[in-house]
N, C-alpha and C. Protein backbone atom coordinates (compact mmCIF):
# COMPACT_ATOMS: atom_id res chain seq x y z
N MET A 1 109.17 70.23 75.04
CA MET A 1 110.74 70.31 74.64
C MET A 1 110.61 69.78 73.16
N PRO A 2 110.95 70.45 72.55
CA PRO A 2 110.78 70.30 70.85
C PRO A 2 111.35 68.78 70.50
N MET A 3 110.66 68.16 69.43
CA MET A 3 111.22 66.45 69.22
C MET A 3 112.34 67.01 68.64
N GLU A 4 112.67 68.04 67.81
CA GLU A 4 114.55 68.03 67.26
C GLU A 4 115.21 67.81 68.64
N GLU A 5 115.12 67.88 69.72
CA GLU A 5 116.20 67.71 70.71
C GLU A 5 116.48 66.04 71.43
N ALA A 6 117.10 65.91 71.87
CA ALA A 6 117.88 65.05 72.26
C ALA A 6 118.25 64.92 73.36
N ILE A 7 118.26 63.79 74.23
CA ILE A 7 118.77 63.66 75.86
C ILE A 7 120.06 62.83 75.87
N GLY A 8 120.49 63.24 76.81
CA GLY A 8 121.69 61.89 77.10
C GLY A 8 122.30 61.74 78.45
N LEU A 9 122.21 61.01 78.81
CA LEU A 9 122.99 60.16 79.98
C LEU A 9 124.35 59.56 79.83
N VAL A 10 124.92 59.57 81.22
CA VAL A 10 126.52 58.72 81.24
C VAL A 10 125.81 58.23 82.51
N GLU A 11 126.65 57.30 83.30
CA GLU A 11 126.34 56.70 84.22
C GLU A 11 127.77 56.51 84.73
N PHE A 12 128.24 56.79 85.68
CA PHE A 12 129.74 56.33 86.12
C PHE A 12 129.33 55.39 87.65
N SER A 13 130.67 54.44 88.12
CA SER A 13 130.59 53.77 89.07
C SER A 13 131.81 54.90 90.60
N SER A 14 132.39 55.59 90.13
CA SER A 14 132.89 56.48 90.79
C SER A 14 131.86 58.08 91.12
N ILE A 15 131.59 58.48 92.06
CA ILE A 15 131.06 60.15 92.78
C ILE A 15 132.12 60.92 91.69
N ALA A 16 133.48 60.70 92.39
CA ALA A 16 134.43 62.01 92.18
C ALA A 16 134.55 62.08 90.80
N ARG A 17 134.46 60.88 89.88
CA ARG A 17 134.90 60.70 88.54
C ARG A 17 133.49 61.15 88.05
N GLY A 18 132.19 60.70 88.34
CA GLY A 18 131.04 61.42 87.65
C GLY A 18 131.31 63.12 87.56
N ILE A 19 131.25 63.57 88.56
CA ILE A 19 131.05 64.73 89.16
C ILE A 19 132.41 65.30 87.77
N GLU A 20 133.43 64.98 87.62
CA GLU A 20 134.10 65.71 86.96
C GLU A 20 134.15 65.36 85.72
N ALA A 21 132.95 64.15 85.04
CA ALA A 21 133.00 63.88 83.93
C ALA A 21 131.97 64.62 83.43
N VAL A 22 130.75 64.83 84.42
CA VAL A 22 129.25 65.83 84.11
C VAL A 22 130.14 67.14 83.95
N ASP A 23 131.21 67.74 84.94
CA ASP A 23 131.51 69.20 84.29
C ASP A 23 132.34 69.35 82.75
N ALA A 24 133.00 68.23 82.78
CA ALA A 24 132.96 68.27 80.97
C ALA A 24 132.30 68.46 80.09
N MET A 25 131.25 67.43 80.36
CA MET A 25 129.74 67.42 79.69
C MET A 25 129.67 68.63 78.83
N VAL A 26 129.16 69.66 80.21
CA VAL A 26 129.01 70.90 80.13
C VAL A 26 129.74 71.43 79.45
N LYS A 27 130.47 71.79 79.80
CA LYS A 27 132.45 72.75 79.19
C LYS A 27 132.12 72.25 77.64
N GLU A 28 131.66 71.23 77.34
CA GLU A 28 131.99 70.69 75.71
C GLU A 28 131.18 71.35 74.86
N ALA A 29 129.89 70.94 75.25
CA ALA A 29 128.93 71.90 74.10
C ALA A 29 127.86 72.54 75.07
N ASP A 30 127.46 73.21 73.87
CA ASP A 30 125.83 74.13 74.99
C ASP A 30 124.80 73.11 74.70
N VAL A 31 124.76 72.58 76.03
CA VAL A 31 123.42 71.37 76.57
C VAL A 31 122.95 72.08 77.64
N ARG A 32 121.95 71.68 78.42
CA ARG A 32 121.27 71.96 79.74
C ARG A 32 121.82 70.59 80.41
N LEU A 33 122.15 71.00 81.68
CA LEU A 33 122.17 70.13 82.92
C LEU A 33 120.99 69.78 83.39
N LEU A 34 120.57 68.73 82.95
CA LEU A 34 118.66 68.47 83.93
C LEU A 34 119.30 67.65 84.83
N ALA A 35 120.27 67.06 84.88
CA ALA A 35 120.60 66.00 86.11
C ALA A 35 122.22 65.46 86.65
N SER A 36 122.54 65.81 87.69
CA SER A 36 123.78 65.67 87.96
C SER A 36 124.02 64.87 89.53
N ARG A 37 124.22 63.76 89.88
CA ARG A 37 123.60 63.37 91.05
C ARG A 37 123.82 61.91 91.75
N THR A 38 123.98 61.28 92.19
CA THR A 38 124.58 60.46 92.94
C THR A 38 122.82 59.38 92.51
N SER A 39 123.42 58.07 92.31
CA SER A 39 122.44 57.04 92.63
C SER A 39 122.72 55.92 93.50
N CYS A 40 121.67 55.21 93.31
CA CYS A 40 121.93 53.53 94.21
C CYS A 40 123.60 53.22 94.15
N SER A 41 124.02 52.17 95.11
CA SER A 41 125.20 51.15 94.99
C SER A 41 126.27 52.73 94.37
N GLY A 42 126.25 53.45 95.17
CA GLY A 42 127.23 54.73 94.96
C GLY A 42 128.12 55.04 93.24
N LYS A 43 126.85 55.29 92.36
CA LYS A 43 126.79 55.28 91.42
C LYS A 43 126.80 56.93 90.89
N TYR A 44 127.47 57.67 89.79
CA TYR A 44 127.06 59.06 89.50
C TYR A 44 126.66 59.12 88.40
N LEU A 45 125.67 59.87 87.98
CA LEU A 45 124.63 60.35 86.62
C LEU A 45 124.72 61.70 86.33
N GLY A 46 125.07 62.04 84.95
CA GLY A 46 124.82 63.11 84.33
C GLY A 46 124.02 63.05 83.21
N LEU A 47 122.93 63.83 83.03
CA LEU A 47 121.79 63.78 82.26
C LEU A 47 121.35 64.98 81.56
N VAL A 48 121.90 65.59 80.13
CA VAL A 48 121.35 66.59 79.55
C VAL A 48 120.49 66.78 77.93
N ALA A 49 120.29 67.77 77.84
CA ALA A 49 119.28 68.07 76.73
C ALA A 49 120.22 68.92 75.55
N GLY A 50 120.03 68.55 74.30
CA GLY A 50 119.79 70.05 73.40
C GLY A 50 120.14 69.42 72.19
N ALA A 51 120.92 69.95 71.44
CA ALA A 51 120.41 69.77 70.04
C ALA A 51 121.12 68.27 69.91
N VAL A 52 120.97 67.61 68.88
CA VAL A 52 121.48 66.46 68.93
C VAL A 52 123.22 66.30 68.74
N ALA A 53 123.88 67.09 68.07
CA ALA A 53 125.10 67.04 67.66
C ALA A 53 125.79 67.72 69.31
N ALA A 54 125.11 68.60 69.86
CA ALA A 54 125.81 69.08 71.04
C ALA A 54 125.85 67.73 72.09
N VAL A 55 124.43 67.37 72.42
CA VAL A 55 124.42 66.05 73.08
C VAL A 55 125.25 64.95 73.14
N LYS A 56 125.34 64.25 71.75
CA LYS A 56 126.34 63.65 71.46
C LYS A 56 127.98 63.64 71.44
N SER A 57 128.57 65.35 71.53
CA SER A 57 129.69 65.78 71.39
C SER A 57 129.55 65.56 73.39
N ALA A 58 128.54 66.16 73.93
CA ALA A 58 128.58 66.09 75.51
C ALA A 58 128.96 65.00 76.01
N VAL A 59 128.06 63.76 75.56
CA VAL A 59 128.20 62.32 76.32
C VAL A 59 129.77 61.67 75.86
N ALA A 60 130.21 62.22 74.85
CA ALA A 60 131.15 61.26 74.23
C ALA A 60 132.48 62.36 75.59
N ALA A 61 132.26 63.29 75.38
CA ALA A 61 133.12 63.84 76.80
C ALA A 61 133.35 63.56 78.48
N GLY A 62 132.04 62.94 78.65
CA GLY A 62 131.87 62.42 79.59
C GLY A 62 132.46 61.52 79.74
N VAL A 63 131.95 60.26 78.45
CA VAL A 63 132.96 58.98 78.89
C VAL A 63 134.44 59.00 78.82
N ALA A 64 135.31 59.93 77.65
CA ALA A 64 136.31 60.09 77.53
C ALA A 64 136.70 60.40 79.19
N ARG A 65 135.98 61.06 79.39
CA ARG A 65 136.69 62.19 81.19
C ARG A 65 136.49 60.68 82.10
N GLY A 66 135.63 60.76 82.24
CA GLY A 66 135.59 59.11 83.36
C GLY A 66 135.68 57.53 82.80
N ALA A 67 136.52 57.37 81.67
CA ALA A 67 137.10 56.38 81.72
C ALA A 67 137.46 55.85 83.16
N GLY A 68 137.14 54.35 82.82
CA GLY A 68 137.66 53.42 84.09
C GLY A 68 136.74 52.99 85.20
N HIS A 69 135.72 54.31 85.25
CA HIS A 69 134.49 54.58 86.04
C HIS A 69 132.66 54.58 85.19
N TYR A 70 133.27 54.21 84.13
CA TYR A 70 132.45 54.51 83.14
C TYR A 70 131.43 53.28 83.12
N VAL A 71 129.86 53.30 83.36
CA VAL A 71 128.88 52.17 83.75
C VAL A 71 128.28 51.64 82.26
N ASP A 72 127.86 53.14 81.83
CA ASP A 72 126.64 52.81 80.78
C ASP A 72 126.43 54.32 80.07
N GLU A 73 126.06 54.64 78.99
CA GLU A 73 125.49 56.12 78.56
C GLU A 73 124.72 55.83 77.39
N MET A 74 123.83 56.71 77.02
CA MET A 74 123.24 56.88 75.61
C MET A 74 122.43 58.40 75.80
N VAL A 75 122.45 58.09 74.28
CA VAL A 75 121.70 59.35 73.96
C VAL A 75 120.29 59.12 72.53
N ILE A 76 119.53 59.45 72.71
CA ILE A 76 117.98 59.48 72.48
C ILE A 76 117.92 60.74 71.36
N PRO A 77 118.54 60.37 70.41
CA PRO A 77 117.94 61.74 69.57
C PRO A 77 116.32 61.50 69.14
N ASN A 78 115.66 62.91 69.02
CA ASN A 78 114.25 63.12 68.55
C ASN A 78 113.22 62.87 69.84
N VAL A 79 114.08 62.63 71.41
CA VAL A 79 113.34 62.55 72.44
C VAL A 79 111.83 62.86 72.60
N HIS A 80 110.84 62.05 72.83
CA HIS A 80 109.33 62.45 73.41
C HIS A 80 109.57 63.21 74.86
N ASP A 81 108.65 64.31 74.05
CA ASP A 81 108.41 65.13 75.49
C ASP A 81 107.92 64.72 76.83
N GLN A 82 107.73 63.47 76.61
CA GLN A 82 106.65 63.09 78.14
C GLN A 82 107.84 62.39 78.50
N VAL A 83 109.23 61.88 78.05
CA VAL A 83 110.22 61.49 78.85
C VAL A 83 111.11 62.18 79.84
N LEU A 84 111.12 63.66 79.49
CA LEU A 84 111.79 64.62 80.56
C LEU A 84 111.00 64.96 81.62
N ALA A 85 109.51 65.09 81.19
CA ALA A 85 108.50 65.27 81.93
C ALA A 85 108.37 63.97 83.04
N ALA A 86 108.40 62.94 82.57
CA ALA A 86 108.04 61.84 83.56
C ALA A 86 109.44 61.92 85.14
N ALA A 87 110.58 62.05 83.91
CA ALA A 87 111.99 61.77 84.70
C ALA A 87 111.58 62.96 85.75
N ALA A 88 111.31 63.87 85.59
CA ALA A 88 111.52 64.91 86.62
C ALA A 88 109.82 64.96 87.75
N GLY A 89 108.97 63.93 87.57
CA GLY A 89 107.87 63.73 88.30
C GLY A 89 107.14 64.82 88.52
N THR A 90 106.75 65.12 87.21
CA THR A 90 105.83 66.54 86.98
C THR A 90 104.81 66.16 86.32
N VAL A 91 104.22 65.06 86.49
CA VAL A 91 103.49 64.81 85.57
C VAL A 91 101.56 63.83 86.96
N VAL A 92 100.64 64.79 85.79
CA VAL A 92 99.41 64.77 86.90
C VAL A 92 98.54 63.10 86.61
N VAL A 93 98.77 62.02 87.43
CA VAL A 93 98.38 61.05 87.28
C VAL A 93 96.56 60.80 87.00
N PRO A 94 96.02 60.38 85.74
CA PRO A 94 94.72 60.24 85.43
C PRO A 94 94.17 59.33 86.09
N THR A 95 92.81 59.80 86.27
CA THR A 95 91.94 58.26 87.57
C THR A 95 91.83 57.43 86.01
N ARG A 96 91.18 56.31 86.38
CA ARG A 96 90.66 55.12 85.93
C ARG A 96 91.74 54.94 85.10
N ALA A 97 92.61 54.31 85.21
CA ALA A 97 93.98 54.11 83.82
C ALA A 97 94.19 52.77 84.09
N ALA A 98 94.75 52.26 83.07
CA ALA A 98 95.10 51.03 83.35
C ALA A 98 96.29 51.36 83.54
N LEU A 99 97.92 50.78 84.33
CA LEU A 99 98.84 50.77 84.55
C LEU A 99 100.02 50.16 84.51
N GLY A 100 101.33 50.68 83.57
CA GLY A 100 101.85 49.59 83.27
C GLY A 100 103.54 50.03 83.73
N ILE A 101 103.84 48.84 84.07
CA ILE A 101 105.62 49.43 84.53
C ILE A 101 106.52 48.35 84.30
N ILE A 102 107.70 49.01 83.65
CA ILE A 102 109.18 48.50 82.67
C ILE A 102 109.62 48.48 83.75
N GLU A 103 110.74 47.55 84.82
CA GLU A 103 111.81 48.00 85.65
C GLU A 103 113.30 47.07 84.40
N THR A 104 114.52 48.09 84.51
CA THR A 104 115.93 47.38 84.38
C THR A 104 116.85 47.78 84.89
N PHE A 105 118.25 47.03 84.81
CA PHE A 105 119.21 47.06 85.37
C PHE A 105 119.92 48.18 85.35
N SER A 106 119.45 49.51 84.49
CA SER A 106 120.33 50.09 84.31
C SER A 106 119.44 51.87 84.27
N LEU A 107 120.12 52.80 84.47
CA LEU A 107 119.27 54.06 83.93
C LEU A 107 119.29 53.98 82.92
N ALA A 108 120.17 54.16 82.21
CA ALA A 108 120.05 54.37 80.47
C ALA A 108 118.83 53.30 80.08
N SER A 109 119.32 52.23 80.34
CA SER A 109 117.97 51.51 79.60
C SER A 109 116.35 51.84 80.24
N ALA A 110 116.13 52.39 81.25
CA ALA A 110 114.97 52.78 81.50
C ALA A 110 114.59 54.48 80.81
N LEU A 111 115.48 54.74 80.51
CA LEU A 111 115.60 56.25 79.62
C LEU A 111 114.93 55.69 78.11
N TRP A 112 115.61 54.18 77.63
CA TRP A 112 115.08 53.80 76.38
C TRP A 112 113.82 53.54 76.12
N ALA A 113 113.49 52.62 77.25
CA ALA A 113 111.98 52.14 77.68
C ALA A 113 111.39 53.10 77.38
N ALA A 114 111.27 53.81 78.15
CA ALA A 114 110.58 54.64 78.32
C ALA A 114 110.14 55.55 76.98
N ASP A 115 111.08 55.87 76.17
CA ASP A 115 111.02 56.84 75.03
C ASP A 115 110.39 55.88 73.68
N ALA A 116 111.04 54.29 74.06
CA ALA A 116 110.07 53.51 72.76
C ALA A 116 108.46 53.21 73.58
N ALA A 117 108.42 52.93 74.81
CA ALA A 117 106.69 53.12 74.83
C ALA A 117 106.10 54.25 74.27
N VAL A 118 107.05 55.51 75.01
CA VAL A 118 105.43 56.41 74.58
C VAL A 118 105.43 56.78 72.86
N LYS A 119 106.35 56.38 72.57
CA LYS A 119 106.37 56.92 70.88
C LYS A 119 105.65 55.31 70.18
N ALA A 120 105.28 54.30 71.24
CA ALA A 120 104.55 53.23 70.19
C ALA A 120 103.14 53.46 70.66
N ALA A 121 102.19 53.84 71.50
CA ALA A 121 101.18 53.67 72.07
C ALA A 121 100.54 55.30 72.50
N PRO A 122 99.75 55.25 72.54
CA PRO A 122 99.15 56.58 73.48
C PRO A 122 98.80 56.42 74.83
N VAL A 123 99.84 56.69 75.65
CA VAL A 123 99.84 56.29 77.17
C VAL A 123 100.81 57.77 77.65
N THR A 124 100.63 58.07 78.67
CA THR A 124 100.98 59.29 79.87
C THR A 124 102.40 58.54 80.55
N LEU A 125 103.40 58.80 80.14
CA LEU A 125 104.34 58.51 81.13
C LEU A 125 104.13 59.06 82.24
N VAL A 126 104.04 58.47 83.51
CA VAL A 126 103.86 58.74 85.10
C VAL A 126 105.40 59.74 85.25
N GLU A 127 106.13 58.33 85.26
CA GLU A 127 107.75 58.49 86.17
C GLU A 127 108.66 57.68 85.31
N VAL A 128 109.98 58.08 85.16
CA VAL A 128 110.91 57.89 84.44
C VAL A 128 111.68 57.86 86.38
N ARG A 129 111.81 56.74 87.12
CA ARG A 129 113.09 56.90 88.45
C ARG A 129 114.22 56.18 88.09
N LEU A 130 115.33 57.17 88.20
CA LEU A 130 116.65 56.55 87.77
C LEU A 130 117.81 56.40 88.82
N GLY A 131 117.37 55.27 89.04
CA GLY A 131 118.51 54.55 90.70
C GLY A 131 118.46 55.14 91.81
N THR A 132 117.63 56.04 92.23
CA THR A 132 117.49 56.62 93.52
C THR A 132 116.68 55.77 94.33
N GLY A 133 117.58 55.32 95.23
CA GLY A 133 116.71 53.94 96.42
C GLY A 133 115.88 53.12 95.88
N ILE A 134 116.72 52.31 94.90
CA ILE A 134 116.04 51.38 94.01
C ILE A 134 117.40 50.25 93.82
N GLY A 135 118.38 50.37 94.25
CA GLY A 135 119.73 49.28 94.00
C GLY A 135 120.09 50.14 92.65
N GLY A 136 120.05 51.25 92.14
CA GLY A 136 120.53 51.35 90.96
C GLY A 136 119.94 51.11 89.70
N LYS A 137 118.92 50.52 89.80
CA LYS A 137 118.17 50.35 88.93
C LYS A 137 117.28 51.56 88.16
N GLY A 138 116.17 51.10 87.21
CA GLY A 138 115.38 52.15 86.85
C GLY A 138 114.33 51.80 86.66
N PHE A 139 113.29 52.38 86.62
CA PHE A 139 111.73 52.23 86.15
C PHE A 139 111.18 52.80 85.53
N THR A 140 109.92 52.65 84.51
CA THR A 140 109.52 53.71 84.22
C THR A 140 107.71 52.94 84.22
N THR A 141 106.75 54.21 84.85
CA THR A 141 105.32 53.67 84.98
C THR A 141 104.52 54.40 83.66
N MET A 142 103.41 54.20 83.37
CA MET A 142 102.58 54.60 82.59
C MET A 142 101.16 54.61 82.58
N VAL A 143 100.91 55.15 82.31
CA VAL A 143 99.10 55.28 82.30
C VAL A 143 97.97 55.46 80.82
N GLY A 144 96.77 54.74 80.77
CA GLY A 144 96.26 54.74 79.62
C GLY A 144 95.14 54.00 79.40
N GLU A 145 94.44 54.07 78.34
CA GLU A 145 93.30 52.97 77.82
C GLU A 145 94.97 51.19 77.89
N THR A 146 93.92 50.20 78.74
CA THR A 146 94.38 49.01 78.77
C THR A 146 95.05 48.47 77.48
N ALA A 147 94.77 48.40 76.49
CA ALA A 147 95.78 48.27 74.92
C ALA A 147 96.85 48.80 75.17
N ALA A 148 96.53 50.01 75.34
CA ALA A 148 97.66 51.52 74.75
C ALA A 148 98.89 51.07 76.19
N VAL A 149 98.47 50.63 76.90
CA VAL A 149 99.45 50.26 78.10
C VAL A 149 100.28 49.17 77.61
N ARG A 150 99.61 48.46 77.01
CA ARG A 150 100.16 46.68 76.96
C ARG A 150 101.00 46.68 75.80
N ALA A 151 100.53 47.56 74.47
CA ALA A 151 101.55 47.87 73.58
C ALA A 151 102.65 48.84 73.61
N ALA A 152 102.30 49.82 74.67
CA ALA A 152 103.97 50.40 74.88
C ALA A 152 104.37 49.92 76.01
N VAL A 153 104.33 48.96 76.85
CA VAL A 153 104.84 47.94 78.10
C VAL A 153 105.56 47.16 76.95
N ALA A 154 104.70 46.90 76.18
CA ALA A 154 105.44 45.74 74.80
C ALA A 154 107.01 46.25 74.21
N ALA A 155 106.09 47.37 73.34
CA ALA A 155 107.48 48.17 73.13
C ALA A 155 108.91 48.33 74.03
N GLY A 156 108.25 48.99 75.22
CA GLY A 156 109.84 49.34 76.25
C GLY A 156 110.36 48.31 76.43
N ALA A 157 109.76 47.26 77.01
CA ALA A 157 110.21 46.04 77.03
C ALA A 157 111.33 45.72 76.35
N ALA A 158 110.68 45.86 74.71
CA ALA A 158 111.63 45.01 73.98
C ALA A 158 112.69 45.51 73.80
N GLU A 159 112.96 47.22 74.48
CA GLU A 159 113.89 48.10 73.88
C GLU A 159 114.77 47.21 74.74
N ALA A 160 114.49 47.34 76.54
CA ALA A 160 115.46 46.90 77.84
C ALA A 160 116.15 45.81 76.89
N GLU A 161 115.11 45.03 76.70
CA GLU A 161 115.44 43.06 76.57
C GLU A 161 116.57 43.14 75.52
N ARG A 162 116.44 44.02 74.29
CA ARG A 162 117.55 44.42 73.48
C ARG A 162 118.97 44.20 73.67
N ARG A 163 118.79 45.26 74.61
CA ARG A 163 120.10 45.87 75.62
C ARG A 163 120.61 44.69 76.73
N GLY A 164 119.79 43.28 77.07
CA GLY A 164 120.06 42.92 77.77
C GLY A 164 119.85 43.32 79.32
N LEU A 165 118.56 44.12 79.47
CA LEU A 165 118.64 44.83 80.68
C LEU A 165 117.37 44.80 81.30
N LEU A 166 116.41 44.10 80.95
CA LEU A 166 114.93 44.23 81.52
C LEU A 166 115.26 42.80 82.48
N VAL A 167 114.37 43.75 83.69
CA VAL A 167 114.18 42.66 84.86
C VAL A 167 112.88 42.50 84.98
N ALA A 168 111.80 43.27 84.76
CA ALA A 168 110.16 42.85 84.49
C ALA A 168 109.56 43.65 84.32
N THR A 169 108.29 43.20 83.81
CA THR A 169 107.11 44.15 83.32
C THR A 169 105.63 43.93 84.39
N ALA A 170 104.71 44.74 83.98
CA ALA A 170 103.58 44.21 84.51
C ALA A 170 102.83 45.82 84.06
N VAL A 171 101.62 45.40 83.73
CA VAL A 171 100.59 45.66 83.51
C VAL A 171 98.87 45.22 84.15
N ILE A 172 98.45 46.30 84.73
CA ILE A 172 97.49 46.60 85.69
C ILE A 172 96.43 46.80 85.03
N PRO A 173 95.29 46.06 84.81
CA PRO A 173 94.21 46.61 84.00
C PRO A 173 93.63 47.71 84.64
N ALA A 174 93.48 47.21 85.86
CA ALA A 174 92.25 48.28 86.81
C ALA A 174 92.99 48.16 88.23
N PRO A 175 94.23 49.05 88.19
CA PRO A 175 94.52 49.41 89.37
C PRO A 175 93.89 50.25 90.68
N TYR A 176 93.80 49.61 92.20
CA TYR A 176 93.04 50.26 92.74
C TYR A 176 93.36 51.78 92.99
N GLN A 177 92.26 52.53 93.05
CA GLN A 177 92.70 54.22 93.13
C GLN A 177 93.63 54.52 93.85
N ALA A 178 94.17 54.11 95.02
CA ALA A 178 94.61 54.40 96.17
C ALA A 178 95.99 54.63 95.21
N VAL A 179 96.55 52.90 94.83
CA VAL A 179 97.84 52.88 93.94
C VAL A 179 98.01 54.19 93.17
N LEU A 180 97.44 54.25 91.97
CA LEU A 180 97.43 55.74 91.06
C LEU A 180 97.98 57.05 91.62
N ASP A 181 97.33 56.86 92.76
CA ASP A 181 97.45 58.18 94.01
C ASP A 181 98.78 58.31 94.44
N LYS A 182 99.42 57.01 94.33
CA LYS A 182 100.50 57.12 95.27
C LYS A 182 101.92 57.05 94.50
N LEU A 183 101.58 56.70 93.36
CA LEU A 183 102.71 56.59 92.20
C LEU A 183 103.95 58.08 91.92
N ILE A 184 103.44 59.13 92.17
CA ILE A 184 104.47 60.19 92.49
C ILE A 184 104.71 60.64 93.95
């Protein structure tokens, strides 16, 4: 994905209103629909990508249509290309790498944290999990050299903390290989 593209997410407390709002998002602007699905705690999310102006317009349409059931939103302009690969679960995990984890209270904050982390240090994002099977929370995992992972986790955690949505972080300098193998 080119760096000039953006991603946008809107999270809703109602499944019915969420589906209706996601439909409004993709009708509003020329965006690609990356995800339209339920998440834990009865939430619904819409995730789109495209040009910055189009993503902003789509997110605004989703928020307006889902009014009263809106939980959170985000637009990340110039999103790092690793963020979408990690959200899709298509990353190959290298061996002998330090492991970093950032856990957040919201789906949007997990994406913000992942983008800040990968832009701060040379790490490989492994996964950005958005709410499914984890009570509506989000988390991101990354691997790399220990110092880089520490710097990336600190940057991502600062972004989530700035939003008041950080749950916890961890850096494991030498994880057991079976743990790395089971990340995705």
